[in-house]
Protein backbone atom coordinates (compact mmCIF):
# COMPACT_ATOMS: atom_id res chain seq x y z
CA MET A 1 5.79 19.58 1.39
CA THR A 2 3.56 18.95 4.43
CA ALA A 3 -0.14 19.60 4.05
CA SER A 4 -3.41 18.78 5.81
CA ALA A 5 -5.54 19.73 2.80
CA LEU A 6 -7.54 17.11 0.90
CA GLY A 7 -8.62 15.48 4.17
CA PHE A 8 -5.30 13.89 5.20
CA ALA A 9 -2.11 15.28 6.64
CA HIS A 10 0.39 14.22 4.02
CA ARG A 11 3.67 14.82 2.29
CA PHE A 12 4.01 15.22 -1.45
CA VAL A 13 7.35 15.03 -3.23
CA ALA A 14 7.29 16.06 -6.88
CA ALA A 15 8.76 13.76 -9.50
CA GLY A 16 12.34 14.16 -10.60
CA ARG A 17 11.53 11.77 -13.45
CA PRO A 18 7.92 12.45 -14.48
CA ALA A 19 7.63 9.31 -16.61
CA LEU A 20 7.77 7.11 -13.50
CA PRO A 21 4.62 6.00 -11.67
CA THR A 22 3.67 7.88 -8.52
CA LEU A 23 4.28 5.99 -5.28
CA LEU A 24 1.53 6.05 -2.65
CA LEU A 25 3.43 5.43 0.60
CA LEU A 26 1.37 3.94 3.45
CA HIS A 27 3.05 3.60 6.84
CA GLY A 28 2.57 1.00 9.56
CA THR A 29 1.08 1.47 13.03
CA GLY A 30 2.77 4.36 14.81
CA GLY A 31 4.24 5.80 11.63
CA THR A 32 3.78 9.19 10.05
CA GLU A 33 3.73 10.70 6.60
CA ASP A 34 7.53 11.02 6.78
CA ASP A 35 8.38 7.40 7.58
CA LEU A 36 8.46 5.77 4.15
CA LEU A 37 9.86 8.66 2.11
CA PRO A 38 13.45 7.34 2.37
CA LEU A 39 12.22 3.89 1.32
CA GLY A 40 10.43 5.40 -1.68
CA ASP A 41 13.63 7.20 -2.68
CA ARG A 42 15.49 3.91 -2.71
CA LEU A 43 12.80 1.81 -4.34
CA LEU A 44 12.17 4.05 -7.33
CA PRO A 45 14.47 7.11 -7.41
CA GLY A 46 12.90 10.14 -9.06
CA ALA A 47 9.28 9.01 -8.69
CA ALA A 48 6.67 11.37 -7.27
CA GLN A 49 5.70 10.37 -3.73
CA LEU A 50 2.37 10.85 -2.00
CA SER A 51 2.49 9.91 1.66
CA PRO A 52 -0.60 10.38 3.88
CA ARG A 53 -0.81 9.92 7.65
CA GLY A 54 -3.40 7.52 9.01
CA GLN A 55 -6.24 9.30 10.78
CA VAL A 56 -7.03 6.70 13.45
CA LEU A 57 -5.16 6.81 16.75
CA GLU A 58 -4.46 3.67 18.78
CA ASN A 59 -2.88 4.60 22.12
CA GLY A 60 -1.66 7.77 20.42
CA MET A 61 -0.19 5.92 17.42
CA PRO A 62 -1.51 6.71 13.92
CA ARG A 63 -3.14 3.92 11.93
CA PHE A 64 -5.25 3.83 8.79
CA PHE A 65 -8.20 1.98 10.39
CA ARG A 66 -9.35 0.64 13.75
CA ARG A 67 -8.71 -2.85 15.02
CA LEU A 68 -10.42 -4.68 17.87
CA ALA A 69 -7.36 -6.80 18.74
CA GLU A 70 -4.12 -7.93 17.07
CA GLY A 71 -5.21 -9.18 13.65
CA VAL A 72 -8.92 -8.53 14.34
CA PHE A 73 -10.15 -5.56 12.32
CA ASP A 74 -13.17 -3.30 12.74
CA LEU A 75 -14.58 -4.05 9.30
CA ASP A 76 -17.07 -1.17 9.25
CA ASP A 77 -14.29 1.28 10.05
CA LEU A 78 -12.00 -0.41 7.53
CA ARG A 79 -14.55 0.07 4.75
CA LEU A 80 -15.12 3.71 5.71
CA ARG A 81 -11.41 4.52 5.95
CA THR A 82 -10.59 2.71 2.71
CA HIS A 83 -13.05 4.84 0.77
CA GLU A 84 -11.79 8.00 2.50
CA LEU A 85 -8.24 7.15 1.48
CA ALA A 86 -9.25 6.33 -2.09
CA ASP A 87 -11.11 9.67 -2.29
CA PHE A 88 -7.99 11.44 -0.99
CA VAL A 89 -5.87 9.77 -3.68
CA GLU A 90 -8.27 10.90 -6.40
CA ALA A 91 -8.23 14.48 -5.08
CA ALA A 92 -4.43 14.49 -4.74
CA ARG A 93 -3.97 13.23 -8.29
CA ALA A 94 -5.92 16.25 -9.50
CA ARG A 95 -4.30 18.72 -7.09
CA TYR A 96 -0.75 17.69 -7.96
CA ASP A 97 -1.42 16.96 -11.65
CA LEU A 98 -0.20 13.37 -11.40
CA GLY A 99 -1.45 12.28 -14.79
CA PRO A 100 -3.81 9.55 -15.95
CA MET A 101 -2.08 6.55 -14.36
CA PRO A 102 -3.17 5.55 -10.83
CA PRO A 103 -0.38 5.44 -8.24
CA VAL A 104 1.38 2.30 -7.10
CA ALA A 105 0.95 1.66 -3.39
CA VAL A 106 3.93 0.81 -1.20
CA GLY A 107 2.41 -0.27 2.10
CA PHE A 108 3.97 -1.68 5.26
CA SER A 109 1.96 -3.69 7.80
CA ASN A 110 -1.18 -1.61 8.56
CA GLY A 111 -0.44 0.41 5.43
CA ALA A 112 -0.18 -2.77 3.37
CA ASN A 113 -3.52 -3.94 4.74
CA ILE A 114 -5.36 -0.78 3.72
CA ALA A 115 -3.65 -0.89 0.31
CA ALA A 116 -5.03 -4.43 -0.10
CA ALA A 117 -8.44 -3.12 0.98
CA MET A 118 -8.21 -0.40 -1.70
CA LEU A 119 -7.58 -3.06 -4.32
CA LEU A 120 -10.59 -5.06 -3.12
CA LEU A 121 -13.04 -2.21 -2.45
CA ARG A 122 -11.97 0.48 -4.92
CA PRO A 123 -10.62 -1.30 -8.01
CA GLY A 124 -8.96 1.16 -10.36
CA SER A 125 -7.69 3.39 -7.57
CA LEU A 126 -4.25 1.75 -7.69
CA GLY A 127 -2.08 0.83 -10.65
CA GLY A 128 -0.25 -1.81 -8.61
CA ALA A 129 0.86 -2.54 -5.07
CA LEU A 130 3.98 -3.57 -3.16
CA LEU A 131 2.57 -5.09 0.04
CA LEU A 132 5.10 -5.54 2.84
CA ARG A 133 3.91 -7.92 5.61
CA PRO A 134 0.19 -7.78 4.77
CA MET A 135 -2.69 -10.00 5.84
CA VAL A 136 -6.24 -10.40 4.50
CA PRO A 137 -8.07 -7.18 5.44
CA LEU A 138 -11.54 -8.39 4.41
CA VAL A 139 -13.25 -10.59 1.83
CA PRO A 140 -15.74 -8.60 -0.23
CA ASP A 141 -18.76 -10.26 -1.82
CA PRO A 142 -18.75 -10.08 -4.75
CA LEU A 143 -15.06 -9.92 -5.50
CA PRO A 144 -13.88 -7.06 -7.71
CA VAL A 145 -12.49 -7.56 -11.20
CA LEU A 146 -8.85 -6.46 -10.95
CA GLY A 147 -7.90 -7.17 -14.54
CA GLY A 148 -4.30 -8.20 -14.02
CA VAL A 149 -3.24 -5.36 -11.71
CA PRO A 150 0.30 -6.28 -10.54
CA VAL A 151 0.78 -7.04 -6.85
CA GLN A 152 3.98 -7.99 -5.04
CA ILE A 153 3.63 -9.49 -1.54
CA ASN A 154 6.70 -9.68 0.71
CA ALA A 155 6.13 -12.01 3.66
CA GLY A 156 8.52 -12.66 6.54
CA THR A 157 9.63 -16.24 7.18
CA ALA A 158 9.70 -15.62 10.95
CA ASP A 159 6.94 -13.02 11.24
CA PRO A 160 5.20 -13.36 14.65
CA ILE A 161 2.26 -11.20 13.54
CA VAL A 162 1.43 -12.45 10.02
CA THR A 163 1.47 -16.23 9.59
CA PRO A 164 2.45 -17.86 6.29
CA ALA A 165 -1.15 -19.04 5.93
CA GLN A 166 -2.40 -15.45 6.12
CA SER A 167 0.08 -14.31 3.47
CA GLU A 168 -0.89 -17.15 1.16
CA ALA A 169 -4.59 -16.48 1.77
CA LEU A 170 -4.21 -12.86 0.65
CA ALA A 171 -2.31 -13.90 -2.47
CA ALA A 172 -5.03 -16.44 -3.30
CA LEU A 173 -7.82 -13.90 -2.69
CA LEU A 174 -6.26 -11.29 -4.95
CA ARG A 175 -5.60 -13.89 -7.65
CA ARG A 176 -9.26 -14.94 -7.53
CA ALA A 177 -10.12 -11.29 -8.14
CA GLY A 178 -7.88 -11.29 -11.21
CA ALA A 179 -4.71 -9.61 -9.92
CA ALA A 180 -1.28 -10.74 -11.12
CA VAL A 181 0.24 -11.66 -7.76
CA THR A 182 3.78 -12.66 -6.84
CA ILE A 183 4.65 -13.61 -3.26
CA ASP A 184 8.23 -13.74 -1.99
CA TRP A 185 9.49 -14.92 1.37
CA VAL A 186 11.92 -12.60 3.11
CA ARG A 187 14.34 -13.99 5.67
CA GLY A 188 13.31 -12.15 8.81
CA SER A 189 10.53 -11.02 11.10
CA HIS A 190 7.81 -8.36 10.77
CA GLY A 191 10.31 -5.54 10.26
CA LEU A 192 11.72 -4.63 6.89
CA ALA A 193 14.98 -6.10 5.60
CA GLN A 194 17.43 -5.45 2.79
CA GLN A 195 15.75 -8.22 0.82
CA ASP A 196 12.51 -6.19 0.84
CA LEU A 197 14.32 -3.34 -0.88
CA GLU A 198 15.83 -5.61 -3.51
CA ILE A 199 12.54 -7.38 -4.30
CA GLY A 200 10.56 -4.16 -4.22
CA ALA A 201 12.93 -2.26 -6.49
CA LYS A 202 12.86 -5.10 -9.03
CA PHE A 203 9.05 -5.16 -8.95
CA LEU A 204 8.73 -1.41 -9.46
CA GLU A 205 11.37 -1.43 -12.19
CA GLY A 206 9.34 -4.08 -13.98
CA LEU A 207 6.23 -1.88 -13.82
CA THR A 208 8.21 1.04 -15.23
CA ILE A 209 9.55 -1.01 -18.14
CA ALA A 210 6.10 -2.44 -18.86
CA GLY A 211 4.61 1.06 -18.95
CA GLN A 212 7.12 2.46 -21.43
């Protein structure tokens, strides 16, 4: 299903296995609401999928928030867009009757960064997050209380965009806020690899078992 209602163009795929958590799929720069649906199918088959398209355009390419340069974010726009996305998720949960459990974000690159921002600015909006090649989006003051929300960070060993220090800094920030963070190093660059699928599927399977 493609829809522009609720404030975002998005795709919603109903659950084949309603007991599974809903996946909130958040694409990278230049992606669309269709990009991560095949990944969601492989990570957690049968889960409902909610996949919005970023509303900011950079040289015609969709993003979830503005940046001033590579790795330099427009923090005012980031805050605004994070709250817009969190509001969309709340409205979509009601529209599609997704139940009482918040969705688990699966975000890649720019999508991973806004998922991290949701954790930091709108605690409770996500039930967990699989962050693929993220960096620190912002450091809120005060930090939220995340109460053990599970977060999996997949960082690339040869990523030219996100340095190891940035990946470690995000893990440390989220841990200080109380999240249960695991970081794994994937052999490769900024793009996704088979190892991302294996780590991500194991993480999501663990959330499913824990919720039973």
